[in-house]
Amino acid sequence: MWQVRLDAFGGPENLHLVEAPDPVRGPGQVLVRTAAAGITFVETQVRAGRPPWPGPGPALPVVLGNGVEGDVIGVGEGVAPSWLGRRVVTATGGFGGYADRVAVDASAPIAVPDDLGLGEAVALLADGRTALGLVRAASLGPGDR
């Protein structure tokens, strides 16, 4: 498979397309063939060497990407085969989403409605979480403006 790997902190010129072994799905996991990956503000900050959290960023090299959209192409032990072929959006549980394939816990993917275009669900995953966090932080309720 292919993945986009960050070899040094800085600009996008430090991202490189490299071959890597296919991920191994374990029990309770699904394997997703990536069709679209989100790029978030957090990932751009990490890439630049300025993670938006206290302490150091990830060790290099690293494959960024927390949100992906694609089709389930494999299921691990204990996962219903009905997941196979489903279009899903999922968080990776960290990084690793800038890759052809990702293995994630079967509780993570969300089925994507047919009326959403490619890339729309993964955009909602990142931006939707941000919007929800802001609403919760502001303690907004019905009728508030």
Protein backbone atom coordinates (compact mmCIF):
# COMPACT_ATOMS: atom_id res chain seq x y z
CA MET A 1 0.00 0.00 0.00
CA TRP A 2 0.95 3.65 -0.21
CA GLN A 3 1.05 6.24 2.54
CA VAL A 4 2.07 9.87 2.85
CA ARG A 5 4.80 10.05 5.48
CA LEU A 6 6.14 13.11 7.27
CA ASP A 7 9.93 12.76 7.51
CA ALA A 8 10.82 16.18 8.99
CA PHE A 9 8.81 18.98 10.57
CA GLY A 10 8.16 21.99 8.35
CA GLY A 11 6.25 22.60 5.14
CA PRO A 12 4.41 20.20 2.85
CA GLU A 13 7.67 19.47 1.02
CA ASN A 14 8.46 17.16 3.96
CA LEU A 15 5.55 14.86 3.09
CA HIS A 16 6.59 11.90 0.93
CA LEU A 17 4.65 9.16 -0.83
CA VAL A 18 6.15 5.84 0.29
CA GLU A 19 5.29 2.16 0.05
CA ALA A 20 4.44 0.40 3.30
CA PRO A 21 3.11 -2.99 4.39
CA ASP A 22 -0.66 -3.40 4.44
CA PRO A 23 -2.13 -2.92 7.92
CA VAL A 24 -3.14 -6.13 9.66
CA ARG A 25 -6.67 -6.08 10.99
CA GLY A 26 -7.03 -7.72 14.34
CA PRO A 27 -10.01 -9.14 16.18
CA GLY A 28 -12.77 -6.57 16.46
CA GLN A 29 -11.37 -4.41 13.66
CA VAL A 30 -12.33 -3.49 10.11
CA LEU A 31 -10.01 -2.67 7.23
CA VAL A 32 -10.98 0.46 5.29
CA ARG A 33 -9.73 1.29 1.78
CA THR A 34 -9.27 5.05 1.93
CA ALA A 35 -11.02 7.14 -0.72
CA ALA A 36 -10.63 10.52 1.04
CA ALA A 37 -8.67 11.73 4.04
CA GLY A 38 -9.32 14.90 5.97
CA ILE A 39 -6.63 17.49 6.59
CA THR A 40 -7.21 19.38 9.82
CA PHE A 41 -5.69 22.44 11.42
CA VAL A 42 -4.16 20.19 14.09
CA GLU A 43 -2.38 18.14 11.43
CA THR A 44 -0.97 21.25 9.74
CA GLN A 45 0.35 22.44 13.11
CA VAL A 46 1.90 19.04 13.86
CA ARG A 47 3.46 18.96 10.40
CA ALA A 48 5.00 22.38 11.04
CA GLY A 49 6.46 21.17 14.35
CA ARG A 50 4.02 23.20 16.48
CA PRO A 51 1.59 20.67 17.98
CA PRO A 52 -1.38 22.41 19.63
CA TRP A 53 -0.82 20.55 22.90
CA PRO A 54 1.82 20.79 25.63
CA GLY A 55 4.94 18.77 25.02
CA PRO A 56 6.49 17.31 21.92
CA GLY A 57 4.79 16.23 18.73
CA PRO A 58 4.89 12.67 17.44
CA ALA A 59 8.15 10.90 16.76
CA LEU A 60 9.29 11.02 13.14
CA PRO A 61 8.67 9.59 10.68
CA VAL A 62 4.90 9.68 11.14
CA VAL A 63 1.86 9.24 8.91
CA LEU A 64 -0.60 12.01 9.76
CA GLY A 65 -4.36 11.84 9.23
CA ASN A 66 -7.06 11.22 11.79
CA GLY A 67 -10.18 11.03 9.61
CA VAL A 68 -10.78 8.86 6.56
CA GLU A 69 -13.67 7.98 4.31
CA GLY A 70 -13.78 4.82 2.24
CA ASP A 71 -15.08 1.28 1.85
CA VAL A 72 -14.75 -1.59 4.32
CA ILE A 73 -12.73 -4.28 2.53
CA GLY A 74 -12.04 -6.64 5.41
CA VAL A 75 -13.36 -7.58 8.84
CA GLY A 76 -11.56 -9.12 11.78
CA GLU A 77 -12.71 -11.91 14.03
CA GLY A 78 -15.92 -11.05 15.84
CA VAL A 79 -17.03 -8.39 13.34
CA ALA A 80 -20.25 -8.86 11.36
CA PRO A 81 -19.55 -9.52 7.67
CA SER A 82 -22.36 -7.07 6.84
CA TRP A 83 -19.70 -4.32 7.17
CA LEU A 84 -18.01 -5.54 3.98
CA GLY A 85 -18.54 -3.14 1.08
CA ARG A 86 -20.03 -0.39 3.25
CA ARG A 87 -18.95 3.19 2.66
CA VAL A 88 -17.87 4.59 6.01
CA VAL A 89 -16.21 7.54 7.67
CA THR A 90 -14.00 6.93 10.67
CA ALA A 91 -11.44 8.42 12.98
CA THR A 92 -8.21 6.47 13.12
CA GLY A 93 -7.76 6.86 16.86
CA GLY A 94 -4.62 8.93 16.36
CA PHE A 95 -2.69 9.34 13.16
CA GLY A 96 -2.20 7.04 10.15
CA GLY A 97 -5.03 8.19 7.89
CA TYR A 98 -2.89 9.45 4.99
CA ALA A 99 -2.72 5.89 3.66
CA ASP A 100 -4.41 3.59 1.15
CA ARG A 101 -5.76 1.42 3.95
CA VAL A 102 -6.37 1.74 7.67
CA ALA A 103 -7.39 -0.81 10.29
CA VAL A 104 -9.69 0.60 12.98
CA ASP A 105 -11.83 -0.75 15.79
CA ALA A 106 -15.21 -1.83 14.44
CA SER A 107 -16.92 0.57 16.87
CA ALA A 108 -15.34 3.59 15.14
CA PRO A 109 -16.79 3.66 11.58
CA ILE A 110 -20.05 5.40 10.76
CA ALA A 111 -21.99 4.40 7.63
CA VAL A 112 -22.07 7.24 5.08
CA PRO A 113 -25.45 8.08 3.52
CA ASP A 114 -25.59 7.67 -0.26
CA ASP A 115 -26.53 11.31 -0.80
CA LEU A 116 -23.21 12.62 0.56
CA GLY A 117 -20.51 13.18 -2.05
CA LEU A 118 -17.01 11.78 -1.73
CA GLY A 119 -15.10 13.69 0.92
CA GLU A 120 -18.13 15.36 2.49
CA ALA A 121 -18.45 12.88 5.36
CA VAL A 122 -14.78 13.12 6.33
CA ALA A 123 -15.06 16.93 6.28
CA LEU A 124 -18.05 16.71 8.62
CA LEU A 125 -16.13 14.36 10.90
CA ALA A 126 -13.43 16.94 11.63
CA ASP A 127 -15.40 20.17 11.36
CA GLY A 128 -18.48 18.70 13.00
CA ARG A 129 -16.47 17.70 16.07
CA THR A 130 -15.03 21.21 16.24
CA ALA A 131 -18.48 22.83 15.99
CA LEU A 132 -19.94 20.48 18.61
CA GLY A 133 -17.05 21.21 20.96
CA LEU A 134 -17.60 24.95 20.57
CA VAL A 135 -21.33 24.65 21.25
CA ARG A 136 -20.65 22.58 24.36
CA ALA A 137 -17.89 24.92 25.58
CA ALA A 138 -20.22 27.91 25.19
CA SER A 139 -23.02 26.08 27.06
CA LEU A 140 -25.49 27.02 24.34
CA GLY A 141 -29.05 25.78 24.53
CA PRO A 142 -32.22 25.97 22.48
CA GLY A 143 -33.00 29.56 21.47
CA ASP A 144 -29.55 30.90 22.39
CA ARG A 145 -27.82 33.10 19.82
